[in-house]
Amino acid sequence: MDISVIAEKITAGDRRALARAITLVESTRPEHREQALELAERLRGGGRQALRIGLSGTPGVGKSTFIESFGLMLVAQGLRVAVLAVDPSSARSGGSILGDKTRMERLSREPLAFIRPSPSQTHLGGVARRTREAVGLCEAAGFDVVLIETVGVGQSETVVAELSDLFILLLAPAGGDELQGVKRGIMEMADIILVNKADGDLKATAMRTCADYAGALRLLRRRPQDPEGFPKAMTVSALELAGLETAWAEMKALRDWRQNQGHWATRRATQARHWFEDEVRQGLLRALTEKPQTRAAMGAMGEAVARGEMTPDSAAAQMLHRLSAQA
């Protein structure tokens, strides 16, 4: 694979080259990793920035339907939209269904849209290990909006926040005590809460649910990166296309305010530093576990813990002491 040619094709907006590049960065083979790093360096500094929107929500809330309707609306406005849809992976086999192109059939046929399903590979928060690099590739290819769909909620929304400029929480209409089921942490991280399925018999319930969440948001401390009125809750109907234009207007308003106030650049810089430190930690972990003697010691101590001869904490402390002595 000629990396320079791939880089040129990506910057020219070649979707096939973009797909090949994402496959490359997702590969775990060492030679592919070297090529992926070379590609990232060639594309660095291009100056292209997309609006990165992280989208999370409970299963069955209609994330794929929302993304398709929302993406079609953006495409109709002349915007180029990339969707990085992370599918659940099997913890046993690592396999994934990768059915998002089937679920977003109309959007997948649009020439201004690009849909890339990726297996989560059991990564916390449902975000694939190299989704961050895929986002950068989509930006280099000239996409205006990158939508990052996650597996669900309640695992590690911090990962989503460190990937996106805006974090959207999609919820279904609910009554009674369902509000108690949404964790405070994800409420505090959400920039906009969208109550989907506000149509038909569920419309009145959706309005009540939206009011409940709006009240809950008012109890949270206002964040410095938010203008007055944010975070906020709104109703939408992906099926009837209701509220999508308003939601998009609010997203753009929040983006513009953060850019004008300097929060946008600060957030991007903080995210870059976070991923640098994360890569160092992951690299150190790989380097340690790749050593035969380290794997053998881990296996022996694991067996001792399983037999009850050592506590997990004590075994971990001994293992860390041994590793620090070897460093």
C-alpha atoms as a PDB file:
ATOM      1  CA  MET A   1       0.000   0.000   0.000  1.00  0.00           C
ATOM      2  CA  ASP A   2       1.443   3.352  -1.077  1.00  0.00           C
ATOM      3  CA  ILE A   3       0.707   5.657   1.876  1.00  0.00           C
ATOM      4  CA  SER A   4       1.435   8.845  -0.044  1.00  0.00           C
ATOM      5  CA  VAL A   5      -1.098   7.903  -2.724  1.00  0.00           C
ATOM      6  CA  ILE A   6      -3.711   6.957  -0.114  1.00  0.00           C
ATOM      7  CA  ALA A   7      -3.147  10.303   1.645  1.00  0.00           C
ATOM      8  CA  GLU A   8      -3.622  12.230  -1.602  1.00  0.00           C
ATOM      9  CA  LYS A   9      -6.810  10.341  -2.414  1.00  0.00           C
ATOM     10  CA  ILE A  10      -8.216  10.941   1.066  1.00  0.00           C
ATOM     11  CA  THR A  11      -7.640  14.685   0.871  1.00  0.00           C
ATOM     12  CA  ALA A  12      -9.332  14.604  -2.538  1.00  0.00           C
ATOM     13  CA  GLY A  13     -12.415  13.067  -0.907  1.00  0.00           C
ATOM     14  CA  ASP A  14     -12.065   9.534  -2.289  1.00  0.00           C
ATOM     15  CA  ARG A  15     -14.439   7.434  -0.159  1.00  0.00           C
ATOM     16  CA  ARG A  16     -12.875   4.127  -1.217  1.00  0.00           C
ATOM     17  CA  ALA A  17      -9.454   5.333  -0.090  1.00  0.00           C
ATOM     18  CA  LEU A  18     -11.001   6.513   3.173  1.00  0.00           C
ATOM     19  CA  ALA A  19     -12.513   3.065   3.768  1.00  0.00           C
ATOM     20  CA  ARG A  20      -9.148   1.405   3.106  1.00  0.00           C
ATOM     21  CA  ALA A  21      -7.429   3.815   5.481  1.00  0.00           C
ATOM     22  CA  ILE A  22      -9.897   3.096   8.293  1.00  0.00           C
ATOM     23  CA  THR A  23      -9.347  -0.632   7.774  1.00  0.00           C
ATOM     24  CA  LEU A  24      -5.627   0.048   8.066  1.00  0.00           C
ATOM     25  CA  VAL A  25      -5.873   1.948  11.368  1.00  0.00           C
ATOM     26  CA  GLU A  26      -8.175  -0.719  12.806  1.00  0.00           C
ATOM     27  CA  SER A  27      -5.666  -3.463  12.065  1.00  0.00           C
ATOM     28  CA  THR A  28      -3.627  -4.846  14.964  1.00  0.00           C
ATOM     29  CA  ARG A  29      -0.741  -6.082  12.791  1.00  0.00           C
ATOM     30  CA  PRO A  30       2.535  -4.263  13.633  1.00  0.00           C
ATOM     31  CA  GLU A  31       3.366  -3.446   9.997  1.00  0.00           C
ATOM     32  CA  HIS A  32      -0.098  -1.971   9.498  1.00  0.00           C
ATOM     33  CA  ARG A  33       0.311   0.087  12.660  1.00  0.00           C
ATOM     34  CA  GLU A  34       3.496   1.627  11.267  1.00  0.00           C
ATOM     35  CA  GLN A  35       1.711   2.493   8.024  1.00  0.00           C
ATOM     36  CA  ALA A  36      -1.217   3.979   9.972  1.00  0.00           C
ATOM     37  CA  LEU A  37       1.145   6.238  11.918  1.00  0.00           C
ATOM     38  CA  GLU A  38       2.826   7.334   8.688  1.00  0.00           C
ATOM     39  CA  LEU A  39      -0.565   8.117   7.168  1.00  0.00           C
ATOM     40  CA  ALA A  40      -1.592  10.153  10.214  1.00  0.00           C
ATOM     41  CA  GLU A  41       1.593  12.208   9.971  1.00  0.00           C
ATOM     42  CA  ARG A  42       1.044  12.892   6.268  1.00  0.00           C
ATOM     43  CA  LEU A  43      -2.500  14.086   6.926  1.00  0.00           C
ATOM     44  CA  ARG A  44      -1.620  16.113  10.021  1.00  0.00           C
ATOM     45  CA  GLY A  45      -1.920  19.865   9.742  1.00  0.00           C
ATOM     46  CA  GLY A  46      -4.400  19.881   6.891  1.00  0.00           C
ATOM     47  CA  GLY A  47      -6.493  22.437   8.743  1.00  0.00           C
ATOM     48  CA  ARG A  48      -9.784  20.641   8.131  1.00  0.00           C
ATOM     49  CA  GLN A  49     -12.119  20.368  11.094  1.00  0.00           C
ATOM     50  CA  ALA A  50     -15.510  18.702  11.176  1.00  0.00           C
ATOM     51  CA  LEU A  51     -18.178  19.053  13.819  1.00  0.00           C
ATOM     52  CA  ARG A  52     -17.801  15.865  15.836  1.00  0.00           C
ATOM     53  CA  ILE A  53     -21.085  14.782  17.386  1.00  0.00           C
ATOM     54  CA  GLY A  54     -21.118  11.886  19.824  1.00  0.00           C
ATOM     55  CA  LEU A  55     -24.510  10.193  20.064  1.00  0.00           C
ATOM     56  CA  SER A  56     -25.422   7.828  22.861  1.00  0.00           C
ATOM     57  CA  GLY A  57     -28.688   6.307  23.973  1.00  0.00           C
ATOM     58  CA  THR A  58     -30.332   3.261  25.412  1.00  0.00           C
ATOM     59  CA  PRO A  59     -30.992   0.282  23.095  1.00  0.00           C
ATOM     60  CA  GLY A  60     -34.281   0.616  21.229  1.00  0.00           C
ATOM     61  CA  VAL A  61     -34.359   4.392  21.442  1.00  0.00           C
ATOM     62  CA  GLY A  62     -34.036   4.654  17.656  1.00  0.00           C
ATOM     63  CA  LYS A  63     -30.447   5.850  17.276  1.00  0.00           C
ATOM     64  CA  SER A  64     -30.024   4.472  13.755  1.00  0.00           C
ATOM     65  CA  THR A  65     -33.374   5.876  12.610  1.00  0.00           C
ATOM     66  CA  PHE A  66     -32.478   9.252  14.098  1.00  0.00           C
ATOM     67  CA  ILE A  67     -29.036   9.267  12.514  1.00  0.00           C
ATOM     68  CA  GLU A  68     -30.445   8.401   9.106  1.00  0.00           C
ATOM     69  CA  SER A  69     -33.133  11.101   9.256  1.00  0.00           C
ATOM     70  CA  PHE A  70     -30.707  13.642  10.719  1.00  0.00           C
ATOM     71  CA  GLY A  71     -28.000  12.733   8.190  1.00  0.00           C
ATOM     72  CA  LEU A  72     -30.401  13.004   5.251  1.00  0.00           C
ATOM     73  CA  MET A  73     -31.409  16.466   6.465  1.00  0.00           C
ATOM     74  CA  LEU A  74     -27.773  17.579   6.636  1.00  0.00           C
ATOM     75  CA  VAL A  75     -27.010  16.111   3.203  1.00  0.00           C
ATOM     76  CA  ALA A  76     -29.989  17.997   1.772  1.00  0.00           C
ATOM     77  CA  GLN A  77     -28.294  21.180   3.006  1.00  0.00           C
ATOM     78  CA  GLY A  78     -25.162  20.290   1.034  1.00  0.00           C
ATOM     79  CA  LEU A  79     -23.132  19.067   3.989  1.00  0.00           C
ATOM     80  CA  ARG A  80     -20.885  16.024   3.818  1.00  0.00           C
ATOM     81  CA  VAL A  81     -21.739  13.608   6.631  1.00  0.00           C
ATOM     82  CA  ALA A  82     -19.694  10.697   7.967  1.00  0.00           C
ATOM     83  CA  VAL A  83     -21.221   8.158  10.357  1.00  0.00           C
ATOM     84  CA  LEU A  84     -18.933   6.013  12.470  1.00  0.00           C
ATOM     85  CA  ALA A  85     -21.354   3.474  13.895  1.00  0.00           C
ATOM     86  CA  VAL A  86     -19.833   1.217  16.513  1.00  0.00           C
ATOM     87  CA  ASP A  87     -21.479  -2.219  16.634  1.00  0.00           C
ATOM     88  CA  PRO A  88     -21.368  -4.473  19.693  1.00  0.00           C
ATOM     89  CA  SER A  89     -18.680  -7.141  19.554  1.00  0.00           C
ATOM     90  CA  SER A  90     -18.896 -10.581  21.018  1.00  0.00           C
ATOM     91  CA  ALA A  91     -16.783 -10.818  24.153  1.00  0.00           C
ATOM     92  CA  ARG A  92     -16.208 -14.476  23.303  1.00  0.00           C
ATOM     93  CA  SER A  93     -15.293 -14.386  19.607  1.00  0.00           C
ATOM     94  CA  GLY A  94     -14.743 -10.670  18.969  1.00  0.00           C
ATOM     95  CA  GLY A  95     -17.215 -10.886  16.090  1.00  0.00           C
ATOM     96  CA  SER A  96     -19.719  -8.197  15.211  1.00  0.00           C
ATOM     97  CA  ILE A  97     -22.852  -8.027  13.081  1.00  0.00           C
ATOM     98  CA  LEU A  98     -21.981  -4.658  11.512  1.00  0.00           C
ATOM     99  CA  GLY A  99     -25.501  -4.077  10.278  1.00  0.00           C
ATOM    100  CA  ASP A 100     -25.640  -0.290  10.267  1.00  0.00           C
ATOM    101  CA  LYS A 101     -25.543   0.026   6.496  1.00  0.00           C
ATOM    102  CA  THR A 102     -28.623  -2.164   6.412  1.00  0.00           C
ATOM    103  CA  ARG A 103     -30.362  -0.060   9.044  1.00  0.00           C
ATOM    104  CA  MET A 104     -29.404   3.206   7.275  1.00  0.00           C
ATOM    105  CA  GLU A 105     -30.123   2.107   3.731  1.00  0.00           C
ATOM    106  CA  ARG A 106     -31.265   5.487   2.356  1.00  0.00           C
ATOM    107  CA  LEU A 107     -28.390   7.426   3.888  1.00  0.00           C
ATOM    108  CA  SER A 108     -25.846   4.882   2.640  1.00  0.00           C
ATOM    109  CA  ARG A 109     -26.917   5.608  -0.947  1.00  0.00           C
ATOM    110  CA  GLU A 110     -26.229   9.345  -0.643  1.00  0.00           C
ATOM    111  CA  PRO A 111     -23.014  10.449  -2.406  1.00  0.00           C
ATOM    112  CA  LEU A 112     -22.366  13.062   0.317  1.00  0.00           C
ATOM    113  CA  ALA A 113     -22.618  10.475   3.096  1.00  0.00           C
ATOM    114  CA  PHE A 114     -20.164   7.871   4.348  1.00  0.00           C
ATOM    115  CA  ILE A 115     -21.153   5.134   6.799  1.00  0.00           C
ATOM    116  CA  ARG A 116     -18.531   2.995   8.460  1.00  0.00           C
ATOM    117  CA  PRO A 117     -19.602   0.330  10.964  1.00  0.00           C
ATOM    118  CA  SER A 118     -16.819  -0.839  13.249  1.00  0.00           C
ATOM    119  CA  PRO A 119     -16.743  -3.541  15.925  1.00  0.00           C
ATOM    120  CA  SER A 120     -16.451  -2.163  19.448  1.00  0.00           C
ATOM    121  CA  GLN A 121     -13.977  -4.962  20.291  1.00  0.00           C
ATOM    122  CA  THR A 122     -15.301  -4.901  23.876  1.00  0.00           C
ATOM    123  CA  HIS A 123     -13.850  -1.400  24.382  1.00  0.00           C
ATOM    124  CA  LEU A 124     -15.561   0.536  27.166  1.00  0.00           C
ATOM    125  CA  GLY A 125     -18.268   2.916  26.091  1.00  0.00           C
ATOM    126  CA  GLY A 126     -18.812   1.026  22.871  1.00  0.00           C
ATOM    127  CA  VAL A 127     -16.179   3.082  21.095  1.00  0.00           C
ATOM    128  CA  ALA A 128     -13.812   1.117  18.880  1.00  0.00           C
ATOM    129  CA  ARG A 129     -10.118   1.255  19.769  1.00  0.00           C
ATOM    130  CA  ARG A 130      -9.252   3.325  16.702  1.00  0.00           C
ATOM    131  CA  THR A 131     -12.429   5.345  16.299  1.00  0.00           C
ATOM    132  CA  ARG A 132     -10.467   8.466  17.208  1.00  0.00           C
ATOM    133  CA  GLU A 133      -8.135   7.969  14.247  1.00  0.00           C
ATOM    134  CA  ALA A 134     -11.088   7.229  11.967  1.00  0.00           C
ATOM    135  CA  VAL A 135     -12.585  10.588  12.973  1.00  0.00           C
ATOM    136  CA  GLY A 136      -9.347  12.304  11.954  1.00  0.00           C
ATOM    137  CA  LEU A 137      -9.375  10.520   8.599  1.00  0.00           C
ATOM    138  CA  CYS A 138     -12.954  11.671   7.950  1.00  0.00           C
ATOM    139  CA  GLU A 139     -11.932  15.245   8.729  1.00  0.00           C
ATOM    140  CA  ALA A 140      -8.990  14.981   6.352  1.00  0.00           C
ATOM    141  CA  ALA A 141     -11.393  13.709   3.669  1.00  0.00           C
ATOM    142  CA  GLY A 142     -13.367  16.939   3.976  1.00  0.00           C
ATOM    143  CA  PHE A 143     -16.490  15.817   5.817  1.00  0.00           C
ATOM    144  CA  ASP A 144     -18.375  18.616   7.550  1.00  0.00           C
ATOM    145  CA  VAL A 145     -20.073  16.544  10.261  1.00  0.00           C
ATOM    146  CA  VAL A 146     -18.909  13.288  11.859  1.00  0.00           C
ATOM    147  CA  LEU A 147     -21.539  11.385  13.833  1.00  0.00           C
ATOM    148  CA  ILE A 148     -20.184   8.844  16.316  1.00  0.00           C
ATOM    149  CA  GLU A 149     -22.864   6.346  17.332  1.00  0.00           C
ATOM    150  CA  THR A 150     -22.043   4.299  20.397  1.00  0.00           C
ATOM    151  CA  VAL A 151     -23.307   0.914  21.539  1.00  0.00           C
ATOM    152  CA  GLY A 152     -25.255   2.279  24.487  1.00  0.00           C
ATOM    153  CA  VAL A 153     -25.010   4.098  27.793  1.00  0.00           C
ATOM    154  CA  GLY A 154     -23.724   3.338  31.269  1.00  0.00           C
ATOM    155  CA  GLN A 155     -20.271   1.980  30.380  1.00  0.00           C
ATOM    156  CA  SER A 156     -17.824   4.833  29.828  1.00  0.00           C
ATOM    157  CA  GLU A 157     -19.321   7.978  28.317  1.00  0.00           C
ATOM    158  CA  THR A 158     -16.037   9.741  29.082  1.00  0.00           C
ATOM    159  CA  VAL A 159     -14.601   8.024  26.023  1.00  0.00           C
ATOM    160  CA  VAL A 160     -17.333   9.557  23.865  1.00  0.00           C
ATOM    161  CA  ALA A 161     -16.756  12.999  25.369  1.00  0.00           C
ATOM    162  CA  GLU A 162     -13.051  12.800  24.598  1.00  0.00           C
ATOM    163  CA  LEU A 163     -13.861  12.103  20.940  1.00  0.00           C
ATOM    164  CA  SER A 164     -16.571  14.659  20.252  1.00  0.00           C
ATOM    165  CA  ASP A 165     -17.255  18.375  20.245  1.00  0.00           C
ATOM    166  CA  LEU A 166     -20.904  17.878  21.194  1.00  0.00           C
ATOM    167  CA  PHE A 167     -22.379  14.997  23.157  1.00  0.00           C
ATOM    168  CA  ILE A 168     -26.023  14.217  22.401  1.00  0.00           C
ATOM    169  CA  LEU A 169     -28.049  11.871  24.596  1.00  0.00           C
ATOM    170  CA  LEU A 170     -31.009  10.266  22.846  1.00  0.00           C
ATOM    171  CA  LEU A 171     -33.813   8.966  25.066  1.00  0.00           C
ATOM    172  CA  ALA A 172     -37.218   7.379  24.535  1.00  0.00           C
ATOM    173  CA  PRO A 173     -40.498   8.607  26.017  1.00  0.00           C
ATOM    174  CA  ALA A 174     -41.014   7.196  29.501  1.00  0.00           C
ATOM    175  CA  GLY A 175     -43.181   7.823  32.496  1.00  0.00           C
ATOM    176  CA  GLY A 176     -43.036   7.348  36.232  1.00  0.00           C
ATOM    177  CA  ASP A 177     -39.625   6.639  37.740  1.00  0.00           C
ATOM    178  CA  GLU A 178     -37.668   6.028  34.537  1.00  0.00           C
ATOM    179  CA  LEU A 179     -35.859   9.324  35.095  1.00  0.00           C
ATOM    180  CA  GLN A 180     -34.193   7.677  38.110  1.00  0.00           C
ATOM    181  CA  GLY A 181     -32.623   5.134  35.762  1.00  0.00           C
ATOM    182  CA  VAL A 182     -30.513   7.702  33.924  1.00  0.00           C
ATOM    183  CA  LYS A 183     -27.256   8.218  35.754  1.00  0.00           C
ATOM    184  CA  ARG A 184     -26.294  11.699  36.893  1.00  0.00           C
ATOM    185  CA  GLY A 185     -22.884  11.352  35.243  1.00  0.00           C
ATOM    186  CA  ILE A 186     -24.226  11.044  31.712  1.00  0.00           C
ATOM    187  CA  MET A 187     -26.702  13.868  32.396  1.00  0.00           C
ATOM    188  CA  GLU A 188     -23.798  16.095  33.370  1.00  0.00           C
ATOM    189  CA  MET A 189     -21.888  15.208  30.212  1.00  0.00           C
ATOM    190  CA  ALA A 190     -24.753  15.660  27.750  1.00  0.00           C
ATOM    191  CA  ASP A 191     -24.895  18.941  25.845  1.00  0.00           C
ATOM    192  CA  ILE A 192     -28.386  18.285  24.481  1.00  0.00           C
ATOM    193  CA  ILE A 193     -30.916  15.632  25.473  1.00  0.00           C
ATOM    194  CA  LEU A 194     -33.239  14.601  22.659  1.00  0.00           C
ATOM    195  CA  VAL A 195     -36.396  12.692  23.546  1.00  0.00           C
ATOM    196  CA  ASN A 196     -37.114  10.704  20.394  1.00  0.00           C
ATOM    197  CA  LYS A 197     -40.365   9.132  19.171  1.00  0.00           C
ATOM    198  CA  ALA A 198     -42.395  12.268  19.925  1.00  0.00           C
ATOM    199  CA  ASP A 199     -45.136  11.219  17.537  1.00  0.00           C
ATOM    200  CA  GLY A 200     -48.494   9.420  17.508  1.00  0.00           C
ATOM    201  CA  ASP A 201     -49.657   8.027  20.829  1.00  0.00           C
ATOM    202  CA  LEU A 202     -46.258   8.689  22.406  1.00  0.00           C
ATOM    203  CA  LYS A 203     -46.179  12.422  21.685  1.00  0.00           C
ATOM    204  CA  ALA A 204     -47.818  13.491  24.965  1.00  0.00           C
ATOM    205  CA  THR A 205     -45.575  11.111  26.926  1.00  0.00           C
ATOM    206  CA  ALA A 206     -42.525  12.469  25.117  1.00  0.00           C
ATOM    207  CA  MET A 207     -43.477  16.032  26.044  1.00  0.00           C
ATOM    208  CA  ARG A 208     -43.799  15.064  29.706  1.00  0.00           C
ATOM    209  CA  THR A 209     -40.510  13.192  29.619  1.00  0.00           C
ATOM    210  CA  CYS A 210     -38.778  16.195  28.053  1.00  0.00           C
ATOM    211  CA  ALA A 211     -40.173  18.434  30.791  1.00  0.00           C
ATOM    212  CA  ASP A 212     -38.897  16.016  33.437  1.00  0.00           C
ATOM    213  CA  TYR A 213     -35.388  16.047  32.014  1.00  0.00           C
ATOM    214  CA  ALA A 214     -35.428  19.811  31.527  1.00  0.00           C
ATOM    215  CA  GLY A 215     -36.259  20.142  35.211  1.00  0.00           C
ATOM    216  CA  ALA A 216     -33.472  17.751  36.149  1.00  0.00           C
ATOM    217  CA  LEU A 217     -30.973  19.693  34.044  1.00  0.00           C
ATOM    218  CA  ARG A 218     -31.851  22.917  35.843  1.00  0.00           C
ATOM    219  CA  LEU A 219     -30.689  21.303  39.079  1.00  0.00           C
ATOM    220  CA  LEU A 220     -27.200  20.693  37.664  1.00  0.00           C
ATOM    221  CA  ARG A 221     -24.438  23.223  38.033  1.00  0.00           C
ATOM    222  CA  ARG A 222     -23.888  25.290  34.896  1.00  0.00           C
ATOM    223  CA  ARG A 223     -20.669  24.393  33.096  1.00  0.00           C
ATOM    224  CA  PRO A 224     -18.245  27.155  32.041  1.00  0.00           C
ATOM    225  CA  GLN A 225     -18.222  25.907  28.443  1.00  0.00           C
ATOM    226  CA  ASP A 226     -21.990  26.376  28.103  1.00  0.00           C
ATOM    227  CA  PRO A 227     -23.982  29.519  27.287  1.00  0.00           C
ATOM    228  CA  GLU A 228     -27.210  30.381  29.090  1.00  0.00           C
ATOM    229  CA  GLY A 229     -29.861  27.709  28.577  1.00  0.00           C
ATOM    230  CA  PHE A 230     -27.483  24.765  28.029  1.00  0.00           C
ATOM    231  CA  PRO A 231     -27.552  21.854  28.453  1.00  0.00           C
ATOM    232  CA  LYS A 232     -31.153  21.538  27.324  1.00  0.00           C
ATOM    233  CA  ALA A 233     -33.785  18.903  26.590  1.00  0.00           C
ATOM    234  CA  MET A 234     -35.836  18.809  23.394  1.00  0.00           C
ATOM    235  CA  THR A 235     -38.294  16.493  21.651  1.00  0.00           C
ATOM    236  CA  VAL A 236     -37.766  15.055  18.179  1.00  0.00           C
ATOM    237  CA  SER A 237     -39.399  12.512  15.920  1.00  0.00           C
ATOM    238  CA  ALA A 238     -36.995  10.749  13.594  1.00  0.00           C
ATOM    239  CA  LEU A 239     -39.988   9.042  11.986  1.00  0.00           C
ATOM    240  CA  GLU A 240     -41.918  12.228  11.181  1.00  0.00           C
ATOM    241  CA  LEU A 241     -38.772  14.395  10.870  1.00  0.00           C
ATOM    242  CA  ALA A 242     -40.139  16.734  13.525  1.00  0.00           C
ATOM    243  CA  GLY A 243     -37.749  18.832  15.581  1.00  0.00           C
ATOM    244  CA  LEU A 244     -34.623  17.885  13.613  1.00  0.00           C
ATOM    245  CA  GLU A 245     -34.111  21.361  12.159  1.00  0.00           C
ATOM    246  CA  THR A 246     -34.502  22.923  15.598  1.00  0.00           C
ATOM    247  CA  ALA A 247     -32.086  20.445  17.155  1.00  0.00           C
ATOM    248  CA  TRP A 248     -29.519  21.171  14.431  1.00  0.00           C
ATOM    249  CA  ALA A 249     -29.926  24.918  14.984  1.00  0.00           C
ATOM    250  CA  GLU A 250     -29.236  24.456  18.697  1.00  0.00           C
ATOM    251  CA  MET A 251     -26.159  22.345  17.960  1.00  0.00           C
ATOM    252  CA  LYS A 252     -24.781  25.027  15.652  1.00  0.00           C
ATOM    253  CA  ALA A 253     -25.538  27.756  18.175  1.00  0.00           C
ATOM    254  CA  LEU A 254     -23.626  25.875  20.883  1.00  0.00           C
ATOM    255  CA  ARG A 255     -20.732  25.214  18.493  1.00  0.00           C
ATOM    256  CA  ASP A 256     -20.525  28.866  17.456  1.00  0.00           C
ATOM    257  CA  TRP A 257     -20.627  30.100  21.054  1.00  0.00           C
ATOM    258  CA  ARG A 258     -17.861  27.756  22.131  1.00  0.00           C
ATOM    259  CA  GLN A 259     -15.720  28.736  19.163  1.00  0.00           C
ATOM    260  CA  ASN A 260     -16.186  32.446  19.844  1.00  0.00           C
ATOM    261  CA  GLN A 261     -15.429  32.027  23.552  1.00  0.00           C
ATOM    262  CA  GLY A 262     -12.313  29.921  22.933  1.00  0.00           C
ATOM    263  CA  HIS A 263     -13.736  26.772  24.547  1.00  0.00           C
ATOM    264  CA  TRP A 264     -13.645  24.865  21.249  1.00  0.00           C
ATOM    265  CA  ALA A 265      -9.880  25.146  20.767  1.00  0.00           C
ATOM    266  CA  THR A 266      -9.235  24.429  24.450  1.00  0.00           C
ATOM    267  CA  ARG A 267     -11.387  21.307  24.309  1.00  0.00           C
ATOM    268  CA  ARG A 268      -9.616  20.004  21.204  1.00  0.00           C
ATOM    269  CA  ALA A 269      -6.206  20.605  22.818  1.00  0.00           C
ATOM    270  CA  THR A 270      -7.261  18.843  26.018  1.00  0.00           C
ATOM    271  CA  GLN A 271      -8.566  15.897  24.009  1.00  0.00           C
ATOM    272  CA  ALA A 272      -5.298  15.617  22.076  1.00  0.00           C
ATOM    273  CA  ARG A 273      -3.348  15.525  25.334  1.00  0.00           C
ATOM    274  CA  HIS A 274      -5.724  12.882  26.754  1.00  0.00           C
ATOM    275  CA  TRP A 275      -5.228  10.581  23.755  1.00  0.00           C
ATOM    276  CA  PHE A 276      -1.458  11.034  23.859  1.00  0.00           C
ATOM    277  CA  GLU A 277      -1.403   9.889  27.494  1.00  0.00           C
ATOM    278  CA  ASP A 278      -3.801   7.035  26.704  1.00  0.00           C
ATOM    279  CA  GLU A 279      -1.587   5.806  23.871  1.00  0.00           C
ATOM    280  CA  VAL A 280       1.434   5.845  26.185  1.00  0.00           C
ATOM    281  CA  ARG A 281      -0.442   3.793  28.802  1.00  0.00           C
ATOM    282  CA  GLN A 282      -1.675   1.295  26.227  1.00  0.00           C
ATOM    283  CA  GLY A 283       1.796   1.028  24.701  1.00  0.00           C
ATOM    284  CA  LEU A 284       3.381   0.335  28.072  1.00  0.00           C
ATOM    285  CA  LEU A 285       0.787  -2.331  28.792  1.00  0.00           C
ATOM    286  CA  ARG A 286       1.418  -4.009  25.435  1.00  0.00           C
ATOM    287  CA  ALA A 287       5.174  -3.880  25.927  1.00  0.00           C
ATOM    288  CA  LEU A 288       4.873  -5.566  29.306  1.00  0.00           C
ATOM    289  CA  THR A 289       2.468  -8.288  28.276  1.00  0.00           C
ATOM    290  CA  GLU A 290       4.459  -9.118  25.156  1.00  0.00           C
ATOM    291  CA  LYS A 291       7.431 -10.281  27.248  1.00  0.00           C
ATOM    292  CA  PRO A 292       7.327 -14.081  27.795  1.00  0.00           C
ATOM    293  CA  GLN A 293       8.617 -13.829  31.366  1.00  0.00           C
ATOM    294  CA  THR A 294       5.973 -11.256  32.239  1.00  0.00           C
ATOM    295  CA  ARG A 295       3.197 -13.406  30.790  1.00  0.00           C
ATOM    296  CA  ALA A 296       4.508 -16.402  32.716  1.00  0.00           C
ATOM    297  CA  ALA A 297       4.614 -14.456  35.984  1.00  0.00           C
ATOM    298  CA  MET A 298       1.108 -13.116  35.412  1.00  0.00           C
ATOM    299  CA  GLY A 299      -0.150 -16.629  34.744  1.00  0.00           C
ATOM    300  CA  ALA A 300       1.506 -18.058  37.868  1.00  0.00           C
ATOM    301  CA  MET A 301       0.168 -15.319  40.123  1.00  0.00           C
ATOM    302  CA  GLY A 302      -3.263 -15.611  38.544  1.00  0.00           C
ATOM    303  CA  GLU A 303      -3.327 -19.312  39.387  1.00  0.00           C
ATOM    304  CA  ALA A 304      -2.241 -18.554  42.947  1.00  0.00           C
ATOM    305  CA  VAL A 305      -5.057 -16.056  43.304  1.00  0.00           C
ATOM    306  CA  ALA A 306      -7.546 -18.558  41.866  1.00  0.00           C
ATOM    307  CA  ARG A 307      -6.441 -21.163  44.410  1.00  0.00           C
ATOM    308  CA  GLY A 308      -6.888 -18.686  47.243  1.00  0.00           C
ATOM    309  CA  GLU A 309      -3.195 -18.610  48.107  1.00  0.00           C
ATOM    310  CA  MET A 310      -2.966 -14.848  47.518  1.00  0.00           C
ATOM    311  CA  THR A 311      -5.426 -12.007  47.530  1.00  0.00           C
ATOM    312  CA  PRO A 312      -5.876 -10.132  44.219  1.00  0.00           C
ATOM    313  CA  ASP A 313      -4.547  -6.923  45.795  1.00  0.00           C
ATOM    314  CA  SER A 314      -1.456  -8.577  47.221  1.00  0.00           C
ATOM    315  CA  ALA A 315      -0.692 -10.370  43.946  1.00  0.00           C
ATOM    316  CA  ALA A 316      -1.116  -7.155  41.981  1.00  0.00           C
ATOM    317  CA  ALA A 317       1.196  -5.284  44.348  1.00  0.00           C
ATOM    318  CA  GLN A 318       3.889  -7.946  43.967  1.00  0.00           C
ATOM    319  CA  MET A 319       3.508  -7.969  40.202  1.00  0.00           C
ATOM    320  CA  LEU A 320       3.803  -4.184  39.968  1.00  0.00           C
ATOM    321  CA  HIS A 321       6.852  -4.231  42.240  1.00  0.00           C
ATOM    322  CA  ARG A 322       8.500  -6.830  40.005  1.00  0.00           C
ATOM    323  CA  LEU A 323       7.737  -4.819  36.880  1.00  0.00           C
ATOM    324  CA  SER A 324       9.070  -1.596  38.380  1.00  0.00           C
ATOM    325  CA  ALA A 325      12.286  -3.392  39.329  1.00  0.00           C
ATOM    326  CA  GLN A 326      12.681  -4.591  35.737  1.00  0.00           C
ATOM    327  CA  ALA A 327      12.101  -1.127  34.238  1.00  0.00           C
END
